[in-house]
């Protein structure tokens, strides 16, 4: 199900200056609605399509323009929730931003209609692609849904030469096994043949969203899980990059594949 408007989109929140949602400083629009039910979600209030507030394109772009007066190179990132739940509306906002010469990014799980996803790509400079799990059964257990369409859309983005930041939230004793590291590394190697992988981020699961689950009156299935140690994160990242054949990887350089 999608919410589509010719005039704007359902927005959960806006962050005017972020440094963790794409290259450089970002103006981030958190779109409302997500089909996944991730057991580790830190923003469960974004799930429902009709939560948040409706904000028109002009209002969003005016806010962006105001911020760009102070930071001319400020980019736009649409995150969520899952932006592909409002793909047509997000496409319109991205298109209008590109007309202004704004660098654009889309932070997505990749779960969405393939044709709608393709229609966004010409207006996206970089995709922040969240891979919860590569193993299908594990993905269903973690999110409630299959990752078949997610992996298909990832291949589509790669084939279109779209710059990619691959992201993984590492949950201890859930998606941190050597087998899952090998699966993710193999997937990255397949994408890297197009020369468009720019970053691989392995981020630790955190517990900062637990209060939101409580406010919603919902029990978080991972409430007992503690964040991984930095050593565990580095170990998993090392296994992934080794399997992917990456001989150099940093925030400023494109991945080098051996």
Protein backbone atom coordinates (compact mmCIF):
# COMPACT_ATOMS: atom_id res chain seq x y z
CA UNK A 1 0.00 0.00 0.00
CA UNK A 2 1.18 3.48 -0.85
CA UNK A 3 0.21 7.01 0.08
CA UNK A 4 0.53 9.26 -2.95
CA UNK A 5 -0.09 12.98 -3.18
CA UNK A 6 0.51 15.51 -5.92
CA UNK A 7 1.27 18.16 -3.33
CA UNK A 8 3.42 16.65 -0.58
CA UNK A 9 3.99 13.66 1.67
CA UNK A 10 3.35 12.31 5.14
CA UNK A 11 6.33 13.27 7.29
CA UNK A 12 7.25 11.90 10.69
CA UNK A 13 9.95 14.47 11.41
CA UNK A 14 12.63 16.70 9.89
CA UNK A 15 16.25 17.12 10.90
CA UNK A 16 17.77 20.24 9.43
CA UNK A 17 21.45 19.44 9.93
CA UNK A 18 22.62 15.81 10.14
CA UNK A 19 26.08 14.37 9.57
CA UNK A 20 25.09 10.67 9.64
CA UNK A 21 22.54 10.46 6.82
CA UNK A 22 24.70 10.75 3.71
CA UNK A 23 27.77 12.64 2.52
CA UNK A 24 28.46 15.96 4.20
CA UNK A 25 25.77 17.89 6.02
CA UNK A 26 22.20 16.77 5.30
CA UNK A 27 18.64 18.07 5.56
CA UNK A 28 16.72 14.90 6.42
CA UNK A 29 13.03 14.26 5.81
CA UNK A 30 11.81 11.20 7.71
CA UNK A 31 8.88 9.88 5.69
CA UNK A 32 6.00 8.20 7.49
CA UNK A 33 5.13 4.55 6.91
CA UNK A 34 7.09 1.30 6.77
CA UNK A 35 6.01 -2.21 5.71
CA UNK A 36 8.75 -3.91 7.72
CA UNK A 37 8.38 -4.69 11.40
CA UNK A 38 12.00 -4.89 12.42
CA UNK A 39 12.43 -6.31 15.89
CA UNK A 40 15.29 -3.87 16.46
CA UNK A 41 13.53 -0.77 15.06
CA UNK A 42 14.43 2.43 16.89
CA UNK A 43 11.61 4.44 15.28
CA UNK A 44 8.47 2.23 15.55
CA UNK A 45 6.31 5.36 15.56
CA UNK A 46 7.05 5.68 11.82
CA UNK A 47 5.33 2.37 10.92
CA UNK A 48 1.77 3.58 10.34
CA UNK A 49 1.13 5.27 7.01
CA UNK A 50 -1.20 7.88 8.45
CA UNK A 51 0.86 9.01 11.40
CA UNK A 52 3.02 12.10 11.35
CA UNK A 53 1.96 15.25 9.51
CA UNK A 54 1.25 16.07 5.90
CA UNK A 55 3.81 18.57 4.59
CA UNK A 56 3.67 20.14 1.14
CA UNK A 57 6.59 20.08 -1.27
CA UNK A 58 6.87 23.86 -1.22
CA UNK A 59 7.04 23.94 2.57
CA UNK A 60 9.75 21.27 2.63
CA UNK A 61 11.78 22.98 -0.06
CA UNK A 62 11.41 26.37 1.59
CA UNK A 63 12.77 24.90 4.84
CA UNK A 64 15.63 23.37 2.87
CA UNK A 65 16.36 26.68 1.13
CA UNK A 66 16.42 28.52 4.45
CA UNK A 67 19.00 26.09 5.81
CA UNK A 68 21.07 26.31 2.63
CA UNK A 69 21.49 30.05 3.18
CA UNK A 70 23.82 29.11 6.03
CA UNK A 71 25.19 25.88 4.50
CA UNK A 72 25.10 26.22 0.69
CA UNK A 73 26.29 22.62 0.15
CA UNK A 74 23.56 21.14 2.37
CA UNK A 75 22.16 17.99 0.78
CA UNK A 76 18.72 16.39 1.01
CA UNK A 77 18.18 12.88 2.37
CA UNK A 78 14.79 11.19 2.46
CA UNK A 79 14.69 8.52 5.14
CA UNK A 80 11.93 6.90 7.16
CA UNK A 81 10.10 4.81 7.94
CA UNK A 82 10.47 3.51 4.43
CA UNK A 83 10.40 6.18 1.68
CA UNK A 84 9.28 3.65 -0.93
CA UNK A 85 5.90 3.54 0.83
CA UNK A 86 5.44 7.02 -0.66
CA UNK A 87 7.61 6.47 -3.73
CA UNK A 88 5.79 8.80 -6.13
CA UNK A 89 5.67 11.63 -3.61
CA UNK A 90 9.34 11.14 -2.76
CA UNK A 91 10.18 11.13 -6.46
CA UNK A 92 8.49 14.50 -6.86
CA UNK A 93 10.39 15.99 -3.93
CA UNK A 94 13.70 14.58 -5.16
CA UNK A 95 13.06 15.90 -8.67
CA UNK A 96 12.31 19.39 -7.34
CA UNK A 97 15.44 19.29 -5.21
CA UNK A 98 17.59 18.32 -8.20
CA UNK A 99 16.12 21.26 -10.13
CA UNK A 100 17.62 23.43 -7.37
CA UNK A 101 21.00 21.74 -7.75
CA UNK A 102 20.75 19.93 -4.42
CA UNK A 103 22.67 16.72 -3.79
CA UNK A 104 20.14 13.97 -2.96
CA UNK A 105 20.21 10.71 -1.05
CA UNK A 106 17.62 8.03 -0.31
CA UNK A 107 17.90 5.94 2.85
CA UNK A 108 15.93 2.77 2.15
CA UNK A 109 15.49 -0.89 3.00
CA UNK A 110 14.79 -1.45 -0.69
CA UNK A 111 11.38 -2.95 0.02
CA UNK A 112 9.08 -1.54 -2.63
CA UNK A 113 7.66 -1.87 -6.10
CA UNK A 114 10.43 -2.29 -8.68
CA UNK A 115 8.97 0.12 -11.23
CA UNK A 116 8.39 2.79 -8.59
CA UNK A 117 11.93 2.25 -7.34
CA UNK A 118 13.36 2.62 -10.83
CA UNK A 119 11.45 5.88 -11.31
CA UNK A 120 13.29 7.38 -8.32
CA UNK A 121 16.81 6.52 -9.44
CA UNK A 122 17.39 9.38 -11.92
CA UNK A 123 16.85 11.86 -9.09
CA UNK A 124 19.00 10.16 -6.44
CA UNK A 125 22.75 10.81 -6.21
CA UNK A 126 23.46 8.14 -3.60
CA UNK A 127 21.47 5.29 -2.08
CA UNK A 128 21.91 4.39 1.59
CA UNK A 129 20.82 0.76 1.35
CA UNK A 130 20.02 -1.05 4.58
CA UNK A 131 20.54 -4.82 4.45
CA UNK A 132 19.02 -6.30 7.61
CA UNK A 133 19.94 -9.85 6.61
CA UNK A 134 20.87 -11.69 3.42
CA UNK A 135 19.56 -15.08 4.48
CA UNK A 136 15.86 -15.12 3.56
CA UNK A 137 14.58 -16.99 6.62
CA UNK A 138 16.61 -14.78 8.94
CA UNK A 139 15.24 -11.67 7.23
CA UNK A 140 11.67 -12.89 7.68
CA UNK A 141 12.34 -13.61 11.35
CA UNK A 142 13.87 -10.16 11.92
CA UNK A 143 11.44 -8.05 9.88
CA UNK A 144 8.34 -10.12 9.17
CA UNK A 145 8.85 -9.98 5.41
CA UNK A 146 10.93 -11.65 2.69
CA UNK A 147 13.96 -9.86 1.25
CA UNK A 148 13.40 -11.11 -2.32
CA UNK A 149 12.27 -7.72 -3.62
CA UNK A 150 14.93 -5.94 -1.58
CA UNK A 151 17.73 -7.92 -3.22
CA UNK A 152 16.13 -7.49 -6.64
CA UNK A 153 15.98 -3.72 -6.22
CA UNK A 154 19.60 -3.70 -5.05
CA UNK A 155 20.61 -5.43 -8.27
CA UNK A 156 18.56 -2.90 -10.23
CA UNK A 157 20.27 0.03 -8.52
CA UNK A 158 23.69 -1.50 -9.11
CA UNK A 159 22.98 -2.16 -12.79
CA UNK A 160 21.93 1.48 -13.16
CA UNK A 161 25.33 2.54 -11.78
CA UNK A 162 23.81 4.22 -8.76
CA UNK A 163 26.26 5.07 -5.97
CA UNK A 164 25.65 2.83 -2.96
CA UNK A 165 26.35 2.93 0.73
CA UNK A 166 25.61 -0.55 2.07
CA UNK A 167 24.50 -0.49 5.70
CA UNK A 168 24.06 -3.21 8.31
CA UNK A 169 22.71 -2.89 11.86
CA UNK A 170 24.57 -5.59 13.78
CA UNK A 171 22.41 -7.39 16.35
CA UNK A 172 24.32 -9.80 18.62
CA UNK A 173 23.43 -13.48 18.20
CA UNK A 174 20.95 -12.59 15.45
CA UNK A 175 22.61 -11.35 12.23
CA UNK A 176 26.27 -11.38 13.26
CA UNK A 177 27.23 -14.97 12.37
CA UNK A 178 30.22 -15.78 10.13
CA UNK A 179 27.73 -17.24 7.64
CA UNK A 180 25.81 -13.98 7.48
CA UNK A 181 29.05 -12.02 7.13
CA UNK A 182 30.00 -14.26 4.20
CA UNK A 183 26.55 -13.79 2.65
CA UNK A 184 26.79 -10.01 2.95
CA UNK A 185 30.34 -9.96 1.62
CA UNK A 186 29.35 -12.07 -1.37
CA UNK A 187 26.41 -9.75 -2.07
CA UNK A 188 28.68 -6.70 -1.93
CA UNK A 189 31.17 -8.39 -4.27
CA UNK A 190 28.39 -8.96 -6.81
CA UNK A 191 27.34 -5.30 -6.61
CA UNK A 192 30.92 -4.02 -6.67
CA UNK A 193 31.47 -5.32 -10.20
CA UNK A 194 29.53 -2.24 -11.34
CA UNK A 195 32.05 0.01 -9.56
CA UNK A 196 29.44 1.89 -7.58
CA UNK A 197 29.93 0.73 -3.96
CA UNK A 198 31.22 3.74 -2.02
CA UNK A 199 30.87 2.63 1.59
CA UNK A 200 30.04 -0.30 3.78
CA UNK A 201 28.83 0.71 7.24
CA UNK A 202 28.42 -1.80 10.04
CA UNK A 203 26.61 -0.05 12.88
CA UNK A 204 25.92 -1.53 16.31
CA UNK A 205 22.39 -2.24 17.47
CA UNK A 206 21.41 0.18 20.23
CA UNK A 207 18.64 0.36 22.82
CA UNK A 208 17.72 4.03 22.46
CA UNK A 209 14.40 3.23 20.80
CA UNK A 210 13.03 1.03 23.59
CA UNK A 211 11.13 3.89 25.24
CA UNK A 212 9.25 4.46 21.97
CA UNK A 213 8.08 0.84 21.95
CA UNK A 214 6.88 1.29 25.53
CA UNK A 215 4.98 4.48 24.66
CA UNK A 216 3.24 2.57 21.88
CA UNK A 217 2.30 -0.17 24.33
CA UNK A 218 4.25 -2.76 22.35
CA UNK A 219 6.88 -5.15 23.69
CA UNK A 220 10.15 -4.96 21.77
CA UNK A 221 11.25 -8.54 20.97
CA UNK A 222 14.89 -7.53 21.34
CA UNK A 223 14.52 -5.59 24.59
CA UNK A 224 16.84 -8.07 26.28
CA UNK A 225 19.59 -7.75 23.66
CA UNK A 226 22.66 -5.74 24.58
CA UNK A 227 24.63 -3.75 21.98
CA UNK A 228 27.63 -5.51 20.45
CA UNK A 229 31.12 -4.61 21.53
CA UNK A 230 33.28 -2.51 19.22
CA UNK A 231 35.52 -5.56 18.80
CA UNK A 232 32.54 -7.59 17.57
CA UNK A 233 31.59 -4.86 15.10
CA UNK A 234 35.14 -4.68 13.76
CA UNK A 235 35.36 -8.47 13.52
CA UNK A 236 32.14 -8.68 11.51
CA UNK A 237 33.25 -5.80 9.26
CA UNK A 238 36.55 -7.57 8.68
CA UNK A 239 34.83 -10.80 7.63
CA UNK A 240 32.52 -8.89 5.29
CA UNK A 241 35.26 -6.92 3.57
CA UNK A 242 37.45 -10.01 3.24
CA UNK A 243 34.64 -11.97 1.57
CA UNK A 244 33.80 -8.98 -0.64
CA UNK A 245 37.41 -8.74 -1.76
CA UNK A 246 37.75 -5.15 -0.62
CA UNK A 247 41.39 -4.24 -0.17
CA UNK A 248 40.72 -0.64 0.77
CA UNK A 249 37.70 0.99 2.24
CA UNK A 250 37.23 4.36 3.91
CA UNK A 251 34.80 7.25 4.00
CA UNK A 252 36.55 9.29 1.33
CA UNK A 253 37.51 6.69 -1.26
CA UNK A 254 35.51 4.34 -3.41
CA UNK A 255 35.83 0.70 -2.49
CA UNK A 256 38.73 -1.05 -4.17
CA UNK A 257 37.97 -4.62 -5.15
CA UNK A 258 40.79 -7.15 -5.43
